[in-house]
Amino acid sequence: MSGVRLAEPDPGWPAQFDATAAALRAVLGDTPGAIEHIGSTAVPGLCAKPVLDLMLGVDNLAAVEARTTALAALGYRYRPAYETELPERRYFVRDATGDMPRVHLHAVVRGGVLWRDHLAFRDALRADAALAQRYGELKRALAARHAADKAAYTEAKAPFIRAVLAAGRC
């Protein structure tokens, strides 16, 4: 597994999301119903891996599967191996280019569980600075503990995320 490196909050992340989303819309046309900025780069003031996480909301996964060639033209690699873990998601990765960070594109059914949970967790962090601060502190501790293992880092964050969602803080 690759390592974990957190970056300090970057005020440029929202503009990078906007540019990335605009490029996706230009290629995908009306395929996506919505493109959302999710993950820690979507929360002002929160440390994050220097990766933009975008969630592409579609009516059905076949719509995005039919667009893998168009996404490849933008540099996105389809990663179907992850569908064994999350069969309700199609996952694409674009490496960092120039001044744009790496992008993880999560295509999910708009309104489905993954869609709702990602938005709910992001919105809870955006709405509660103390919660976001606690999450940032946890991320820093876990990044130090699991510096060489990104999967372990991600797994260790899951109880916090589940607790926020279960508490209805979203």
N, C-alpha and C. Protein backbone atom coordinates (compact mmCIF):
# COMPACT_ATOMS: atom_id res chain seq x y z
N MET A 1 0.83 -1.18 0.00
CA MET A 1 0.00 0.00 0.00
C MET A 1 0.88 1.25 0.00
N SER A 2 0.38 2.30 -0.61
CA SER A 2 1.13 3.54 -0.61
C SER A 2 0.91 4.28 0.70
N GLY A 3 1.75 5.27 0.94
CA GLY A 3 1.74 5.97 2.21
C GLY A 3 0.72 7.09 2.30
N VAL A 4 0.64 7.65 3.50
CA VAL A 4 -0.30 8.73 3.79
C VAL A 4 0.48 10.02 3.99
N ARG A 5 0.09 11.04 3.24
CA ARG A 5 0.67 12.37 3.42
C ARG A 5 -0.47 13.37 3.45
N LEU A 6 -0.58 14.08 4.56
CA LEU A 6 -1.61 15.10 4.68
C LEU A 6 -1.03 16.46 4.33
N ALA A 7 -1.85 17.27 3.70
CA ALA A 7 -1.46 18.64 3.36
C ALA A 7 -2.27 19.60 4.22
N GLU A 8 -1.69 20.74 4.47
CA GLU A 8 -2.43 21.80 5.16
C GLU A 8 -3.57 22.26 4.26
N PRO A 9 -4.62 22.84 4.84
CA PRO A 9 -5.74 23.31 4.02
C PRO A 9 -5.26 24.27 2.93
N ASP A 10 -5.78 24.11 1.75
CA ASP A 10 -5.38 24.93 0.61
C ASP A 10 -6.61 25.69 0.12
N PRO A 11 -6.58 27.01 0.17
CA PRO A 11 -7.74 27.77 -0.29
C PRO A 11 -8.00 27.62 -1.79
N GLY A 12 -7.06 27.01 -2.51
CA GLY A 12 -7.24 26.78 -3.94
C GLY A 12 -8.05 25.54 -4.28
N TRP A 13 -8.31 24.68 -3.29
CA TRP A 13 -9.04 23.44 -3.58
C TRP A 13 -10.41 23.68 -4.20
N PRO A 14 -11.22 24.62 -3.72
CA PRO A 14 -12.53 24.83 -4.37
C PRO A 14 -12.42 25.23 -5.85
N ALA A 15 -11.45 26.08 -6.18
CA ALA A 15 -11.28 26.47 -7.58
C ALA A 15 -10.80 25.29 -8.42
N GLN A 16 -9.96 24.45 -7.84
CA GLN A 16 -9.52 23.25 -8.56
C GLN A 16 -10.71 22.32 -8.80
N PHE A 17 -11.58 22.20 -7.81
CA PHE A 17 -12.80 21.41 -8.01
C PHE A 17 -13.63 22.01 -9.15
N ASP A 18 -13.84 23.31 -9.12
CA ASP A 18 -14.66 23.96 -10.15
C ASP A 18 -14.11 23.68 -11.55
N ALA A 19 -12.79 23.80 -11.71
CA ALA A 19 -12.16 23.57 -13.02
C ALA A 19 -12.31 22.10 -13.43
N THR A 20 -12.13 21.21 -12.48
CA THR A 20 -12.24 19.78 -12.78
C THR A 20 -13.67 19.42 -13.14
N ALA A 21 -14.62 19.93 -12.39
CA ALA A 21 -16.03 19.66 -12.66
C ALA A 21 -16.43 20.21 -14.03
N ALA A 22 -15.95 21.41 -14.38
CA ALA A 22 -16.28 21.99 -15.68
C ALA A 22 -15.74 21.14 -16.82
N ALA A 23 -14.54 20.62 -16.67
CA ALA A 23 -13.96 19.75 -17.70
C ALA A 23 -14.78 18.46 -17.83
N LEU A 24 -15.22 17.92 -16.70
CA LEU A 24 -16.05 16.71 -16.74
C LEU A 24 -17.37 16.98 -17.44
N ARG A 25 -18.01 18.09 -17.11
CA ARG A 25 -19.30 18.42 -17.73
C ARG A 25 -19.15 18.61 -19.24
N ALA A 26 -18.03 19.21 -19.66
CA ALA A 26 -17.81 19.44 -21.08
C ALA A 26 -17.70 18.12 -21.85
N VAL A 27 -17.13 17.10 -21.22
CA VAL A 27 -16.95 15.81 -21.88
C VAL A 27 -18.16 14.90 -21.71
N LEU A 28 -18.78 14.95 -20.54
CA LEU A 28 -19.87 14.03 -20.23
C LEU A 28 -21.24 14.53 -20.67
N GLY A 29 -21.34 15.80 -20.97
CA GLY A 29 -22.62 16.35 -21.39
C GLY A 29 -23.66 16.20 -20.29
N ASP A 30 -24.80 15.59 -20.63
CA ASP A 30 -25.87 15.49 -19.65
C ASP A 30 -25.83 14.17 -18.86
N THR A 31 -24.74 13.40 -18.99
CA THR A 31 -24.64 12.14 -18.24
C THR A 31 -24.75 12.36 -16.74
N PRO A 32 -23.95 13.28 -16.16
CA PRO A 32 -24.06 13.45 -14.71
C PRO A 32 -25.25 14.34 -14.36
N GLY A 33 -25.97 13.92 -13.35
CA GLY A 33 -27.02 14.78 -12.83
C GLY A 33 -26.42 15.86 -11.95
N ALA A 34 -25.30 15.54 -11.33
CA ALA A 34 -24.64 16.48 -10.43
C ALA A 34 -23.20 16.03 -10.22
N ILE A 35 -22.36 16.99 -9.96
CA ILE A 35 -20.98 16.70 -9.59
C ILE A 35 -20.75 17.44 -8.28
N GLU A 36 -20.37 16.70 -7.25
CA GLU A 36 -20.18 17.28 -5.92
C GLU A 36 -18.73 17.14 -5.49
N HIS A 37 -18.25 18.13 -4.78
CA HIS A 37 -16.93 18.10 -4.15
C HIS A 37 -17.10 17.45 -2.78
N ILE A 38 -16.47 16.31 -2.58
CA ILE A 38 -16.59 15.59 -1.31
C ILE A 38 -15.19 15.38 -0.74
N GLY A 39 -15.11 14.72 0.38
CA GLY A 39 -13.81 14.47 1.00
C GLY A 39 -13.32 15.70 1.73
N SER A 40 -12.15 15.57 2.31
CA SER A 40 -11.63 16.62 3.18
C SER A 40 -11.27 17.90 2.44
N THR A 41 -10.91 17.81 1.15
CA THR A 41 -10.61 19.05 0.42
C THR A 41 -11.85 19.90 0.21
N ALA A 42 -13.02 19.32 0.47
CA ALA A 42 -14.28 20.05 0.32
C ALA A 42 -14.69 20.79 1.59
N VAL A 43 -13.89 20.64 2.65
CA VAL A 43 -14.22 21.25 3.94
C VAL A 43 -13.19 22.34 4.23
N PRO A 44 -13.59 23.60 4.22
CA PRO A 44 -12.64 24.69 4.48
C PRO A 44 -11.92 24.50 5.81
N GLY A 45 -10.60 24.69 5.77
CA GLY A 45 -9.80 24.63 7.00
C GLY A 45 -9.38 23.24 7.43
N LEU A 46 -9.75 22.20 6.70
CA LEU A 46 -9.45 20.83 7.10
C LEU A 46 -8.22 20.32 6.35
N CYS A 47 -7.31 19.69 7.08
CA CYS A 47 -6.16 19.06 6.43
C CYS A 47 -6.67 17.91 5.58
N ALA A 48 -5.90 17.54 4.56
CA ALA A 48 -6.36 16.50 3.65
C ALA A 48 -5.18 15.91 2.90
N LYS A 49 -5.37 14.70 2.41
CA LYS A 49 -4.44 14.21 1.41
C LYS A 49 -4.64 15.13 0.21
N PRO A 50 -3.59 15.47 -0.51
CA PRO A 50 -3.74 16.38 -1.65
C PRO A 50 -4.40 15.68 -2.84
N VAL A 51 -5.65 15.31 -2.64
CA VAL A 51 -6.45 14.59 -3.63
C VAL A 51 -7.84 15.21 -3.64
N LEU A 52 -8.33 15.58 -4.81
CA LEU A 52 -9.71 16.05 -4.92
C LEU A 52 -10.60 14.84 -5.09
N ASP A 53 -11.59 14.71 -4.22
CA ASP A 53 -12.60 13.67 -4.36
C ASP A 53 -13.84 14.31 -4.95
N LEU A 54 -14.28 13.79 -6.07
CA LEU A 54 -15.49 14.26 -6.72
C LEU A 54 -16.49 13.11 -6.76
N MET A 55 -17.74 13.44 -6.55
CA MET A 55 -18.80 12.46 -6.64
C MET A 55 -19.69 12.85 -7.82
N LEU A 56 -19.79 11.91 -8.74
CA LEU A 56 -20.59 12.08 -9.94
C LEU A 56 -21.91 11.37 -9.73
N GLY A 57 -22.99 12.12 -9.67
CA GLY A 57 -24.31 11.53 -9.46
C GLY A 57 -24.96 11.20 -10.79
N VAL A 58 -25.31 9.93 -10.98
CA VAL A 58 -25.93 9.48 -12.22
C VAL A 58 -27.25 8.78 -11.92
N ASP A 59 -28.08 8.66 -12.93
CA ASP A 59 -29.35 7.96 -12.75
C ASP A 59 -29.13 6.45 -12.63
N ASN A 60 -28.12 5.94 -13.33
CA ASN A 60 -27.76 4.53 -13.23
C ASN A 60 -26.29 4.39 -13.61
N LEU A 61 -25.66 3.37 -13.10
CA LEU A 61 -24.22 3.19 -13.30
C LEU A 61 -23.87 2.88 -14.74
N ALA A 62 -24.79 2.32 -15.50
CA ALA A 62 -24.53 2.05 -16.91
C ALA A 62 -24.23 3.34 -17.67
N ALA A 63 -24.82 4.44 -17.24
CA ALA A 63 -24.59 5.72 -17.90
C ALA A 63 -23.13 6.13 -17.84
N VAL A 64 -22.50 5.91 -16.71
CA VAL A 64 -21.08 6.28 -16.60
C VAL A 64 -20.19 5.20 -17.21
N GLU A 65 -20.61 3.95 -17.12
CA GLU A 65 -19.82 2.88 -17.75
C GLU A 65 -19.69 3.12 -19.25
N ALA A 66 -20.73 3.66 -19.85
CA ALA A 66 -20.71 3.95 -21.28
C ALA A 66 -19.79 5.13 -21.61
N ARG A 67 -19.35 5.86 -20.60
CA ARG A 67 -18.52 7.06 -20.83
C ARG A 67 -17.06 6.87 -20.42
N THR A 68 -16.62 5.63 -20.19
CA THR A 68 -15.23 5.42 -19.75
C THR A 68 -14.22 5.90 -20.78
N THR A 69 -14.54 5.79 -22.07
CA THR A 69 -13.61 6.27 -23.10
C THR A 69 -13.50 7.79 -23.04
N ALA A 70 -14.61 8.46 -22.85
CA ALA A 70 -14.58 9.93 -22.73
C ALA A 70 -13.79 10.35 -21.50
N LEU A 71 -13.97 9.63 -20.41
CA LEU A 71 -13.21 9.95 -19.19
C LEU A 71 -11.72 9.67 -19.39
N ALA A 72 -11.41 8.60 -20.09
CA ALA A 72 -10.00 8.29 -20.37
C ALA A 72 -9.33 9.41 -21.17
N ALA A 73 -10.08 10.06 -22.04
CA ALA A 73 -9.54 11.18 -22.82
C ALA A 73 -9.13 12.34 -21.92
N LEU A 74 -9.73 12.42 -20.73
CA LEU A 74 -9.36 13.45 -19.75
C LEU A 74 -8.28 12.95 -18.78
N GLY A 75 -7.82 11.73 -18.98
CA GLY A 75 -6.77 11.20 -18.12
C GLY A 75 -7.26 10.33 -16.98
N TYR A 76 -8.55 10.01 -16.94
CA TYR A 76 -9.10 9.18 -15.86
C TYR A 76 -8.94 7.71 -16.20
N ARG A 77 -8.43 6.96 -15.23
CA ARG A 77 -8.31 5.51 -15.36
C ARG A 77 -9.44 4.86 -14.57
N TYR A 78 -10.17 3.99 -15.23
CA TYR A 78 -11.25 3.25 -14.58
C TYR A 78 -10.62 2.16 -13.74
N ARG A 79 -11.06 2.04 -12.50
CA ARG A 79 -10.50 1.07 -11.56
C ARG A 79 -11.58 0.08 -11.11
N PRO A 80 -11.99 -0.85 -11.98
CA PRO A 80 -13.08 -1.77 -11.64
C PRO A 80 -12.77 -2.73 -10.50
N ALA A 81 -11.51 -2.93 -10.15
CA ALA A 81 -11.16 -3.85 -9.07
C ALA A 81 -11.83 -3.46 -7.75
N TYR A 82 -12.10 -2.18 -7.56
CA TYR A 82 -12.70 -1.73 -6.31
C TYR A 82 -14.19 -2.02 -6.22
N GLU A 83 -14.78 -2.51 -7.29
CA GLU A 83 -16.20 -2.80 -7.29
C GLU A 83 -16.54 -4.03 -6.44
N THR A 84 -15.55 -4.85 -6.13
CA THR A 84 -15.82 -5.97 -5.22
C THR A 84 -16.14 -5.45 -3.83
N GLU A 85 -15.49 -4.34 -3.43
CA GLU A 85 -15.76 -3.71 -2.14
C GLU A 85 -17.02 -2.86 -2.17
N LEU A 86 -17.18 -2.10 -3.23
CA LEU A 86 -18.31 -1.18 -3.37
C LEU A 86 -18.96 -1.36 -4.74
N PRO A 87 -19.80 -2.37 -4.89
CA PRO A 87 -20.40 -2.63 -6.21
C PRO A 87 -21.33 -1.52 -6.68
N GLU A 88 -21.75 -0.64 -5.78
CA GLU A 88 -22.65 0.44 -6.16
C GLU A 88 -21.89 1.72 -6.53
N ARG A 89 -20.58 1.58 -6.82
CA ARG A 89 -19.76 2.73 -7.21
C ARG A 89 -18.88 2.35 -8.39
N ARG A 90 -18.68 3.30 -9.29
CA ARG A 90 -17.67 3.17 -10.34
C ARG A 90 -16.60 4.20 -10.00
N TYR A 91 -15.34 3.76 -10.02
CA TYR A 91 -14.24 4.56 -9.49
C TYR A 91 -13.22 4.84 -10.58
N PHE A 92 -12.81 6.10 -10.66
CA PHE A 92 -11.83 6.55 -11.65
C PHE A 92 -10.77 7.39 -10.94
N VAL A 93 -9.55 7.33 -11.45
CA VAL A 93 -8.44 8.09 -10.86
C VAL A 93 -7.74 8.87 -11.97
N ARG A 94 -7.43 10.12 -11.68
CA ARG A 94 -6.61 10.93 -12.58
C ARG A 94 -5.40 11.41 -11.78
N ASP A 95 -4.21 11.18 -12.32
CA ASP A 95 -3.00 11.62 -11.65
C ASP A 95 -2.90 13.14 -11.65
N ALA A 96 -2.09 13.65 -10.74
CA ALA A 96 -1.84 15.08 -10.68
C ALA A 96 -1.23 15.53 -12.01
N THR A 97 -1.66 16.71 -12.44
CA THR A 97 -1.13 17.28 -13.68
C THR A 97 -0.89 18.77 -13.47
N GLY A 98 0.33 19.22 -13.73
CA GLY A 98 0.63 20.64 -13.56
C GLY A 98 0.30 21.11 -12.17
N ASP A 99 -0.58 22.12 -12.08
CA ASP A 99 -0.96 22.65 -10.77
C ASP A 99 -2.25 22.01 -10.24
N MET A 100 -2.72 20.95 -10.90
CA MET A 100 -3.94 20.26 -10.47
C MET A 100 -3.56 18.99 -9.71
N PRO A 101 -4.20 18.77 -8.56
CA PRO A 101 -3.88 17.58 -7.77
C PRO A 101 -4.48 16.31 -8.38
N ARG A 102 -4.14 15.20 -7.81
CA ARG A 102 -4.73 13.92 -8.15
C ARG A 102 -6.24 14.02 -7.91
N VAL A 103 -7.03 13.30 -8.73
CA VAL A 103 -8.48 13.32 -8.60
C VAL A 103 -8.98 11.89 -8.45
N HIS A 104 -9.87 11.69 -7.49
CA HIS A 104 -10.61 10.44 -7.35
C HIS A 104 -12.05 10.76 -7.70
N LEU A 105 -12.56 10.10 -8.71
CA LEU A 105 -13.92 10.33 -9.18
C LEU A 105 -14.77 9.12 -8.80
N HIS A 106 -15.77 9.36 -7.97
CA HIS A 106 -16.66 8.32 -7.48
C HIS A 106 -18.01 8.49 -8.17
N ALA A 107 -18.35 7.60 -9.08
CA ALA A 107 -19.64 7.68 -9.76
C ALA A 107 -20.62 6.78 -9.00
N VAL A 108 -21.71 7.37 -8.56
CA VAL A 108 -22.72 6.65 -7.78
C VAL A 108 -24.11 7.08 -8.25
N VAL A 109 -25.09 6.30 -7.87
CA VAL A 109 -26.48 6.67 -8.19
C VAL A 109 -26.90 7.82 -7.30
N ARG A 110 -27.33 8.89 -7.94
CA ARG A 110 -27.78 10.07 -7.21
C ARG A 110 -28.98 9.70 -6.35
N GLY A 111 -28.90 10.04 -5.07
CA GLY A 111 -29.96 9.72 -4.13
C GLY A 111 -29.78 8.41 -3.42
N GLY A 112 -28.82 7.59 -3.85
CA GLY A 112 -28.55 6.32 -3.20
C GLY A 112 -27.82 6.51 -1.87
N VAL A 113 -27.55 5.40 -1.20
CA VAL A 113 -26.91 5.45 0.12
C VAL A 113 -25.55 6.12 0.07
N LEU A 114 -24.70 5.75 -0.88
CA LEU A 114 -23.37 6.38 -0.96
C LEU A 114 -23.49 7.88 -1.21
N TRP A 115 -24.38 8.25 -2.09
CA TRP A 115 -24.61 9.67 -2.39
C TRP A 115 -25.01 10.42 -1.11
N ARG A 116 -26.01 9.90 -0.43
CA ARG A 116 -26.52 10.58 0.77
C ARG A 116 -25.47 10.63 1.87
N ASP A 117 -24.78 9.51 2.13
CA ASP A 117 -23.80 9.48 3.22
C ASP A 117 -22.62 10.41 2.97
N HIS A 118 -22.10 10.43 1.74
CA HIS A 118 -20.97 11.33 1.45
C HIS A 118 -21.36 12.79 1.65
N LEU A 119 -22.52 13.15 1.14
CA LEU A 119 -22.95 14.54 1.27
C LEU A 119 -23.27 14.88 2.73
N ALA A 120 -23.88 13.95 3.43
CA ALA A 120 -24.23 14.21 4.83
C ALA A 120 -22.99 14.42 5.68
N PHE A 121 -21.97 13.58 5.49
CA PHE A 121 -20.75 13.71 6.28
C PHE A 121 -20.04 15.02 5.93
N ARG A 122 -19.91 15.31 4.64
CA ARG A 122 -19.28 16.57 4.23
C ARG A 122 -20.02 17.76 4.83
N ASP A 123 -21.33 17.75 4.73
CA ASP A 123 -22.11 18.88 5.21
C ASP A 123 -22.04 19.03 6.73
N ALA A 124 -21.96 17.90 7.44
CA ALA A 124 -21.81 17.96 8.90
C ALA A 124 -20.49 18.63 9.27
N LEU A 125 -19.42 18.29 8.57
CA LEU A 125 -18.11 18.92 8.85
C LEU A 125 -18.12 20.40 8.49
N ARG A 126 -18.76 20.74 7.40
CA ARG A 126 -18.83 22.14 7.00
C ARG A 126 -19.64 22.97 8.00
N ALA A 127 -20.65 22.37 8.59
CA ALA A 127 -21.56 23.10 9.49
C ALA A 127 -21.05 23.21 10.92
N ASP A 128 -20.10 22.38 11.32
CA ASP A 128 -19.67 22.31 12.71
C ASP A 128 -18.14 22.37 12.78
N ALA A 129 -17.62 23.55 13.05
CA ALA A 129 -16.17 23.74 13.08
C ALA A 129 -15.48 22.86 14.12
N ALA A 130 -16.12 22.67 15.26
CA ALA A 130 -15.53 21.82 16.31
C ALA A 130 -15.46 20.36 15.85
N LEU A 131 -16.49 19.90 15.16
CA LEU A 131 -16.48 18.54 14.63
C LEU A 131 -15.38 18.40 13.58
N ALA A 132 -15.27 19.37 12.70
CA ALA A 132 -14.23 19.34 11.68
C ALA A 132 -12.84 19.35 12.33
N GLN A 133 -12.68 20.12 13.40
CA GLN A 133 -11.39 20.16 14.09
C GLN A 133 -11.07 18.79 14.70
N ARG A 134 -12.05 18.16 15.33
CA ARG A 134 -11.83 16.82 15.90
C ARG A 134 -11.45 15.82 14.81
N TYR A 135 -12.12 15.92 13.69
CA TYR A 135 -11.81 15.03 12.58
C TYR A 135 -10.39 15.29 12.07
N GLY A 136 -10.01 16.55 11.96
CA GLY A 136 -8.65 16.88 11.53
C GLY A 136 -7.61 16.34 12.49
N GLU A 137 -7.87 16.45 13.78
CA GLU A 137 -6.93 15.92 14.78
C GLU A 137 -6.83 14.40 14.68
N LEU A 138 -7.95 13.74 14.47
CA LEU A 138 -7.94 12.30 14.29
C LEU A 138 -7.15 11.92 13.04
N LYS A 139 -7.38 12.63 11.96
CA LYS A 139 -6.67 12.34 10.71
C LYS A 139 -5.16 12.49 10.89
N ARG A 140 -4.73 13.52 11.59
CA ARG A 140 -3.29 13.71 11.82
C ARG A 140 -2.71 12.57 12.65
N ALA A 141 -3.41 12.17 13.71
CA ALA A 141 -2.93 11.07 14.55
C ALA A 141 -2.87 9.78 13.75
N LEU A 142 -3.90 9.51 12.97
CA LEU A 142 -3.94 8.28 12.19
C LEU A 142 -2.90 8.30 11.06
N ALA A 143 -2.68 9.46 10.48
CA ALA A 143 -1.66 9.56 9.43
C ALA A 143 -0.28 9.26 9.99
N ALA A 144 -0.02 9.69 11.22
CA ALA A 144 1.27 9.38 11.86
C ALA A 144 1.36 7.89 12.18
N ARG A 145 0.27 7.33 12.67
CA ARG A 145 0.26 5.92 13.06
C ARG A 145 0.32 4.99 11.85
N HIS A 146 -0.32 5.38 10.76
CA HIS A 146 -0.42 4.52 9.57
C HIS A 146 0.27 5.16 8.37
N ALA A 147 1.38 5.82 8.61
CA ALA A 147 2.05 6.59 7.55
C ALA A 147 2.37 5.75 6.31
N ALA A 148 2.63 4.49 6.49
CA ALA A 148 3.03 3.64 5.37
C ALA A 148 1.87 2.81 4.81
N ASP A 149 0.66 3.00 5.33
CA ASP A 149 -0.44 2.13 4.93
C ASP A 149 -1.74 2.92 4.78
N LYS A 150 -2.00 3.36 3.56
CA LYS A 150 -3.18 4.18 3.29
C LYS A 150 -4.48 3.44 3.59
N ALA A 151 -4.53 2.15 3.32
CA ALA A 151 -5.74 1.38 3.59
C ALA A 151 -6.04 1.33 5.08
N ALA A 152 -5.01 1.15 5.90
CA ALA A 152 -5.21 1.12 7.35
C ALA A 152 -5.65 2.49 7.85
N TYR A 153 -5.09 3.54 7.30
CA TYR A 153 -5.48 4.91 7.66
C TYR A 153 -6.97 5.12 7.36
N THR A 154 -7.38 4.73 6.17
CA THR A 154 -8.78 4.90 5.77
C THR A 154 -9.70 4.08 6.66
N GLU A 155 -9.33 2.85 6.92
CA GLU A 155 -10.15 1.98 7.78
C GLU A 155 -10.26 2.54 9.19
N ALA A 156 -9.19 3.13 9.70
CA ALA A 156 -9.20 3.66 11.07
C ALA A 156 -10.08 4.90 11.21
N LYS A 157 -10.34 5.60 10.12
CA LYS A 157 -11.23 6.77 10.16
C LYS A 157 -12.71 6.37 10.18
N ALA A 158 -13.01 5.15 9.73
CA ALA A 158 -14.40 4.72 9.54
C ALA A 158 -15.27 4.82 10.79
N PRO A 159 -14.78 4.45 11.99
CA PRO A 159 -15.67 4.56 13.16
C PRO A 159 -16.12 6.00 13.43
N PHE A 160 -15.25 6.96 13.22
CA PHE A 160 -15.62 8.36 13.41
C PHE A 160 -16.72 8.74 12.42
N ILE A 161 -16.52 8.38 11.17
CA ILE A 161 -17.48 8.72 10.12
C ILE A 161 -18.83 8.07 10.42
N ARG A 162 -18.81 6.78 10.77
CA ARG A 162 -20.07 6.08 11.09
C ARG A 162 -20.77 6.73 12.28
N ALA A 163 -20.00 7.15 13.28
CA ALA A 163 -20.61 7.77 14.47
C ALA A 163 -21.28 9.10 14.09
N VAL A 164 -20.65 9.88 13.25
CA VAL A 164 -21.25 11.15 12.82
C VAL A 164 -22.55 10.88 12.07
N LEU A 165 -22.52 9.92 11.16
CA LEU A 165 -23.72 9.60 10.39
C LEU A 165 -24.82 9.04 11.30
N ALA A 166 -24.44 8.16 12.22
CA ALA A 166 -25.42 7.54 13.11
C ALA A 166 -26.05 8.54 14.08
N ALA A 167 -25.27 9.55 14.47
CA ALA A 167 -25.77 10.54 15.42
C ALA A 167 -26.74 11.52 14.74
N GLY A 168 -26.84 11.40 13.44
CA GLY A 168 -27.75 12.30 12.74
C GLY A 168 -27.27 13.73 12.74
N ARG A 169 -25.97 13.91 12.86
CA ARG A 169 -25.40 15.26 12.88
C ARG A 169 -25.45 15.85 11.49
N CYS A 170 -25.87 15.07 10.54
CA CYS A 170 -25.84 15.50 9.17
C CYS A 170 -27.19 16.02 8.72
